[in-house]
Amino acid sequence: MFRGDGKFEIVHAFPHGGEYKLIADYKPTGGKDTTETEWIHIEGTSADTVPLEPDHAHSKVVDGVEVTLVNDHPEAGKDFELNFRLTDAKTKEAITDLEPYLGAVGHVVILSENTEQYLHVHPIDEKAQGPEAKFATTFPNNGLYKIWAQFQRDGKVLTVPFVVEVK
């Protein structure tokens, strides 16, 4: 929530105690894209660590929408196109009514397993409405990366996670 004087406040209930990396990604009026990060400690019982593993399934279903990451074999240091295809999970009909989310067909953020590499990726065609949403990026290093793709449909934001291995 915007509090004025350039200050925002976010209220969040963390699921467990432990160490969390906060990432703020913003663009001030008249300024340039800015990303700031900070580690914070949350009191309470920590959850068991779950190792990050590449997804074997290339499709995920969120709120009745099947999102397929069509190409998932990126190479470090090379231009790569993330191509998401969206269909109705029950009927398999193509989704063509995506709504603009933050001014575009969708947004993608990517974080390396060690949390050192953060990528905010914009769509190639911001005005697309589906069934495909394409994003261009370059993975800086090899290793595991978690991808979160966000799309809006019927006023609801769908967040779809994928884990890929970059070679």
C-alpha atoms as a PDB file:
ATOM      1  CA  MET A   1       0.000   0.000   0.000  1.00  0.00           C
ATOM      2  CA  PHE A   2       1.331   3.434  -0.927  1.00  0.00           C
ATOM      3  CA  ARG A   3       1.854   5.520   2.212  1.00  0.00           C
ATOM      4  CA  GLY A   4       2.991   8.709   0.465  1.00  0.00           C
ATOM      5  CA  ASP A   5       6.341  10.426   0.310  1.00  0.00           C
ATOM      6  CA  GLY A   6       7.776   7.531  -1.729  1.00  0.00           C
ATOM      7  CA  LYS A   7       6.965   4.933   0.944  1.00  0.00           C
ATOM      8  CA  PHE A   8       5.082   1.676   0.509  1.00  0.00           C
ATOM      9  CA  GLU A   9       3.946  -0.797   3.149  1.00  0.00           C
ATOM     10  CA  ILE A  10       3.333  -4.481   2.604  1.00  0.00           C
ATOM     11  CA  VAL A  11       1.765  -6.693   5.251  1.00  0.00           C
ATOM     12  CA  HIS A  12       2.670 -10.351   4.925  1.00  0.00           C
ATOM     13  CA  ALA A  13       2.289 -13.393   7.180  1.00  0.00           C
ATOM     14  CA  PHE A  14       5.398 -15.551   6.763  1.00  0.00           C
ATOM     15  CA  PRO A  15       4.612 -19.292   6.894  1.00  0.00           C
ATOM     16  CA  HIS A  16       7.630 -20.146   9.082  1.00  0.00           C
ATOM     17  CA  GLY A  17      10.442 -18.520  10.967  1.00  0.00           C
ATOM     18  CA  GLY A  18      13.867 -18.287   9.358  1.00  0.00           C
ATOM     19  CA  GLU A  19      15.850 -16.261   6.845  1.00  0.00           C
ATOM     20  CA  TYR A  20      14.046 -14.612   3.926  1.00  0.00           C
ATOM     21  CA  LYS A  21      15.413 -12.552   1.073  1.00  0.00           C
ATOM     22  CA  LEU A  22      13.204  -9.595   0.205  1.00  0.00           C
ATOM     23  CA  ILE A  23      13.420  -8.254  -3.337  1.00  0.00           C
ATOM     24  CA  ALA A  24      11.979  -4.860  -4.243  1.00  0.00           C
ATOM     25  CA  ASP A  25      11.750  -4.227  -7.969  1.00  0.00           C
ATOM     26  CA  TYR A  26      10.499  -0.760  -8.924  1.00  0.00           C
ATOM     27  CA  LYS A  27      10.831   2.220 -11.235  1.00  0.00           C
ATOM     28  CA  PRO A  28      10.492   5.675  -9.685  1.00  0.00           C
ATOM     29  CA  THR A  29       8.766   8.374 -11.718  1.00  0.00           C
ATOM     30  CA  GLY A  30      11.383   9.776 -14.066  1.00  0.00           C
ATOM     31  CA  GLY A  31      13.926   7.216 -12.839  1.00  0.00           C
ATOM     32  CA  LYS A  32      15.334   3.923 -13.985  1.00  0.00           C
ATOM     33  CA  ASP A  33      14.454   0.324 -13.136  1.00  0.00           C
ATOM     34  CA  THR A  34      15.783  -0.425  -9.664  1.00  0.00           C
ATOM     35  CA  THR A  35      16.120  -3.659  -7.699  1.00  0.00           C
ATOM     36  CA  GLU A  36      17.040  -3.759  -4.029  1.00  0.00           C
ATOM     37  CA  THR A  37      17.437  -6.834  -1.856  1.00  0.00           C
ATOM     38  CA  GLU A  38      17.742  -7.425   1.850  1.00  0.00           C
ATOM     39  CA  TRP A  39      17.875 -10.509   4.048  1.00  0.00           C
ATOM     40  CA  ILE A  40      15.570 -10.472   7.068  1.00  0.00           C
ATOM     41  CA  HIS A  41      15.145 -12.834   9.991  1.00  0.00           C
ATOM     42  CA  ILE A  42      11.648 -13.911  11.052  1.00  0.00           C
ATOM     43  CA  GLU A  43      11.254 -15.313  14.553  1.00  0.00           C
ATOM     44  CA  GLY A  44       9.636 -18.717  14.917  1.00  0.00           C
ATOM     45  CA  THR A  45      10.193 -22.321  14.003  1.00  0.00           C
ATOM     46  CA  SER A  46      12.015 -22.775  10.709  1.00  0.00           C
ATOM     47  CA  ALA A  47      10.702 -25.155   8.087  1.00  0.00           C
ATOM     48  CA  ASP A  48      12.797 -28.037   6.813  1.00  0.00           C
ATOM     49  CA  THR A  49      14.884 -27.112   3.794  1.00  0.00           C
ATOM     50  CA  VAL A  50      13.464 -28.526   0.569  1.00  0.00           C
ATOM     51  CA  PRO A  51      16.018 -28.978  -2.207  1.00  0.00           C
ATOM     52  CA  LEU A  52      15.227 -27.274  -5.496  1.00  0.00           C
ATOM     53  CA  GLU A  53      14.772 -29.793  -8.310  1.00  0.00           C
ATOM     54  CA  PRO A  54      14.010 -29.229 -12.000  1.00  0.00           C
ATOM     55  CA  ASP A  55      10.403 -29.831 -12.952  1.00  0.00           C
ATOM     56  CA  HIS A  56       9.768 -33.018 -14.876  1.00  0.00           C
ATOM     57  CA  ALA A  57       6.275 -31.858 -15.880  1.00  0.00           C
ATOM     58  CA  HIS A  58       6.249 -28.924 -18.259  1.00  0.00           C
ATOM     59  CA  SER A  59       2.643 -27.987 -17.478  1.00  0.00           C
ATOM     60  CA  LYS A  60       1.028 -26.685 -14.320  1.00  0.00           C
ATOM     61  CA  VAL A  61      -2.643 -26.059 -13.574  1.00  0.00           C
ATOM     62  CA  VAL A  62      -3.592 -22.958 -11.582  1.00  0.00           C
ATOM     63  CA  ASP A  63      -7.236 -21.942 -11.100  1.00  0.00           C
ATOM     64  CA  GLY A  64      -8.410 -24.023 -14.037  1.00  0.00           C
ATOM     65  CA  VAL A  65      -5.754 -22.719 -16.439  1.00  0.00           C
ATOM     66  CA  GLU A  66      -3.078 -25.085 -17.736  1.00  0.00           C
ATOM     67  CA  VAL A  67       0.170 -23.214 -18.323  1.00  0.00           C
ATOM     68  CA  THR A  68       2.809 -25.039 -20.331  1.00  0.00           C
ATOM     69  CA  LEU A  69       6.422 -23.924 -20.550  1.00  0.00           C
ATOM     70  CA  VAL A  70       6.932 -24.990 -24.152  1.00  0.00           C
ATOM     71  CA  ASN A  71      10.723 -24.669 -24.227  1.00  0.00           C
ATOM     72  CA  ASP A  72      12.678 -25.407 -21.089  1.00  0.00           C
ATOM     73  CA  HIS A  73      16.306 -26.123 -22.001  1.00  0.00           C
ATOM     74  CA  PRO A  74      18.129 -22.808 -21.621  1.00  0.00           C
ATOM     75  CA  GLU A  75      21.897 -22.436 -21.954  1.00  0.00           C
ATOM     76  CA  ALA A  76      23.883 -20.017 -19.820  1.00  0.00           C
ATOM     77  CA  GLY A  77      24.904 -16.802 -21.559  1.00  0.00           C
ATOM     78  CA  LYS A  78      22.665 -17.341 -24.608  1.00  0.00           C
ATOM     79  CA  ASP A  79      19.507 -15.462 -25.550  1.00  0.00           C
ATOM     80  CA  PHE A  80      16.503 -17.567 -24.599  1.00  0.00           C
ATOM     81  CA  GLU A  81      12.795 -17.254 -25.299  1.00  0.00           C
ATOM     82  CA  LEU A  82      10.458 -18.439 -22.562  1.00  0.00           C
ATOM     83  CA  ASN A  83       7.272 -19.475 -24.338  1.00  0.00           C
ATOM     84  CA  PHE A  84       4.198 -20.076 -22.183  1.00  0.00           C
ATOM     85  CA  ARG A  85       1.046 -21.592 -23.708  1.00  0.00           C
ATOM     86  CA  LEU A  86      -2.225 -21.195 -21.811  1.00  0.00           C
ATOM     87  CA  THR A  87      -5.248 -23.476 -22.217  1.00  0.00           C
ATOM     88  CA  ASP A  88      -8.387 -24.304 -20.277  1.00  0.00           C
ATOM     89  CA  ALA A  89      -7.425 -27.261 -18.072  1.00  0.00           C
ATOM     90  CA  LYS A  90     -10.714 -29.102 -18.652  1.00  0.00           C
ATOM     91  CA  THR A  91     -11.566 -28.399 -22.290  1.00  0.00           C
ATOM     92  CA  LYS A  92      -7.976 -27.868 -23.570  1.00  0.00           C
ATOM     93  CA  GLU A  93      -9.308 -24.850 -25.507  1.00  0.00           C
ATOM     94  CA  ALA A  94      -6.797 -22.062 -26.081  1.00  0.00           C
ATOM     95  CA  ILE A  95      -7.023 -19.119 -23.677  1.00  0.00           C
ATOM     96  CA  THR A  96      -7.257 -15.900 -25.705  1.00  0.00           C
ATOM     97  CA  ASP A  97      -8.721 -13.506 -23.147  1.00  0.00           C
ATOM     98  CA  LEU A  98      -5.754 -12.674 -20.927  1.00  0.00           C
ATOM     99  CA  GLU A  99      -6.059  -9.204 -19.427  1.00  0.00           C
ATOM    100  CA  PRO A 100      -3.222  -6.716 -19.087  1.00  0.00           C
ATOM    101  CA  TYR A 101      -1.399  -7.208 -15.783  1.00  0.00           C
ATOM    102  CA  LEU A 102       0.734  -4.241 -14.780  1.00  0.00           C
ATOM    103  CA  GLY A 103       0.384  -3.012 -18.367  1.00  0.00           C
ATOM    104  CA  ALA A 104       1.392  -6.222 -20.170  1.00  0.00           C
ATOM    105  CA  VAL A 105       0.215  -9.748 -21.030  1.00  0.00           C
ATOM    106  CA  GLY A 106       2.222 -11.010 -18.072  1.00  0.00           C
ATOM    107  CA  HIS A 107       5.353 -10.699 -16.015  1.00  0.00           C
ATOM    108  CA  VAL A 108       8.105 -13.167 -15.207  1.00  0.00           C
ATOM    109  CA  VAL A 109      10.676 -13.124 -12.431  1.00  0.00           C
ATOM    110  CA  ILE A 110      13.495 -15.631 -12.162  1.00  0.00           C
ATOM    111  CA  LEU A 111      15.741 -16.401  -9.195  1.00  0.00           C
ATOM    112  CA  SER A 112      18.830 -18.606  -9.145  1.00  0.00           C
ATOM    113  CA  GLU A 113      19.069 -21.377  -6.578  1.00  0.00           C
ATOM    114  CA  ASN A 114      21.671 -19.418  -4.587  1.00  0.00           C
ATOM    115  CA  THR A 115      19.437 -16.289  -4.783  1.00  0.00           C
ATOM    116  CA  GLU A 116      22.306 -14.260  -6.267  1.00  0.00           C
ATOM    117  CA  GLN A 117      20.829 -13.894  -9.769  1.00  0.00           C
ATOM    118  CA  TYR A 118      17.484 -12.121 -10.056  1.00  0.00           C
ATOM    119  CA  LEU A 119      15.915 -11.501 -13.457  1.00  0.00           C
ATOM    120  CA  HIS A 120      12.748  -9.487 -14.157  1.00  0.00           C
ATOM    121  CA  VAL A 121      11.598 -10.381 -17.654  1.00  0.00           C
ATOM    122  CA  HIS A 122       9.073  -8.481 -19.771  1.00  0.00           C
ATOM    123  CA  PRO A 123       7.025  -9.980 -22.613  1.00  0.00           C
ATOM    124  CA  ILE A 124       8.090  -9.727 -26.244  1.00  0.00           C
ATOM    125  CA  ASP A 125       4.529  -8.682 -27.206  1.00  0.00           C
ATOM    126  CA  GLU A 126       3.021  -6.770 -24.276  1.00  0.00           C
ATOM    127  CA  LYS A 127      -0.409  -6.598 -25.925  1.00  0.00           C
ATOM    128  CA  ALA A 128      -0.786 -10.351 -26.510  1.00  0.00           C
ATOM    129  CA  GLN A 129      -3.922 -11.943 -25.030  1.00  0.00           C
ATOM    130  CA  GLY A 130      -2.933 -15.585 -25.313  1.00  0.00           C
ATOM    131  CA  PRO A 131      -2.801 -18.429 -25.952  1.00  0.00           C
ATOM    132  CA  GLU A 132       0.954 -17.771 -26.083  1.00  0.00           C
ATOM    133  CA  ALA A 133       2.965 -15.350 -24.006  1.00  0.00           C
ATOM    134  CA  LYS A 134       6.635 -15.061 -24.935  1.00  0.00           C
ATOM    135  CA  PHE A 135       9.451 -13.531 -22.911  1.00  0.00           C
ATOM    136  CA  ALA A 136      13.121 -13.048 -23.825  1.00  0.00           C
ATOM    137  CA  THR A 137      15.974 -13.329 -21.330  1.00  0.00           C
ATOM    138  CA  THR A 138      19.523 -14.545 -20.830  1.00  0.00           C
ATOM    139  CA  PHE A 139      20.408 -16.785 -17.903  1.00  0.00           C
ATOM    140  CA  PRO A 140      23.810 -15.540 -16.674  1.00  0.00           C
ATOM    141  CA  ASN A 141      25.151 -18.828 -15.241  1.00  0.00           C
ATOM    142  CA  ASN A 142      24.443 -22.536 -15.264  1.00  0.00           C
ATOM    143  CA  GLY A 143      22.491 -24.081 -12.413  1.00  0.00           C
ATOM    144  CA  LEU A 144      18.921 -24.273 -11.171  1.00  0.00           C
ATOM    145  CA  TYR A 145      16.550 -21.336 -11.514  1.00  0.00           C
ATOM    146  CA  LYS A 146      12.996 -20.889 -10.265  1.00  0.00           C
ATOM    147  CA  ILE A 147      10.652 -19.052 -12.618  1.00  0.00           C
ATOM    148  CA  TRP A 148       7.423 -17.383 -11.556  1.00  0.00           C
ATOM    149  CA  ALA A 149       5.143 -16.394 -14.440  1.00  0.00           C
ATOM    150  CA  GLN A 150       2.133 -14.171 -13.754  1.00  0.00           C
ATOM    151  CA  PHE A 151      -0.918 -13.671 -15.948  1.00  0.00           C
ATOM    152  CA  GLN A 152      -4.322 -12.087 -15.330  1.00  0.00           C
ATOM    153  CA  ARG A 153      -7.671 -13.497 -16.383  1.00  0.00           C
ATOM    154  CA  ASP A 154     -11.159 -12.533 -15.199  1.00  0.00           C
ATOM    155  CA  GLY A 155      -9.590 -10.006 -12.816  1.00  0.00           C
ATOM    156  CA  LYS A 156      -7.531 -12.675 -11.041  1.00  0.00           C
ATOM    157  CA  VAL A 157      -3.728 -12.948 -11.133  1.00  0.00           C
ATOM    158  CA  LEU A 158      -2.395 -16.456 -11.766  1.00  0.00           C
ATOM    159  CA  THR A 159       1.113 -17.163 -10.501  1.00  0.00           C
ATOM    160  CA  VAL A 160       2.736 -20.254 -11.989  1.00  0.00           C
ATOM    161  CA  PRO A 161       6.121 -21.580 -10.767  1.00  0.00           C
ATOM    162  CA  PHE A 162       8.602 -23.643 -12.784  1.00  0.00           C
ATOM    163  CA  VAL A 163      12.123 -24.863 -11.992  1.00  0.00           C
ATOM    164  CA  VAL A 164      14.562 -25.262 -14.879  1.00  0.00           C
ATOM    165  CA  GLU A 165      18.161 -26.360 -15.139  1.00  0.00           C
ATOM    166  CA  VAL A 166      20.424 -24.074 -17.137  1.00  0.00           C
ATOM    167  CA  LYS A 167      23.428 -25.803 -18.691  1.00  0.00           C
END
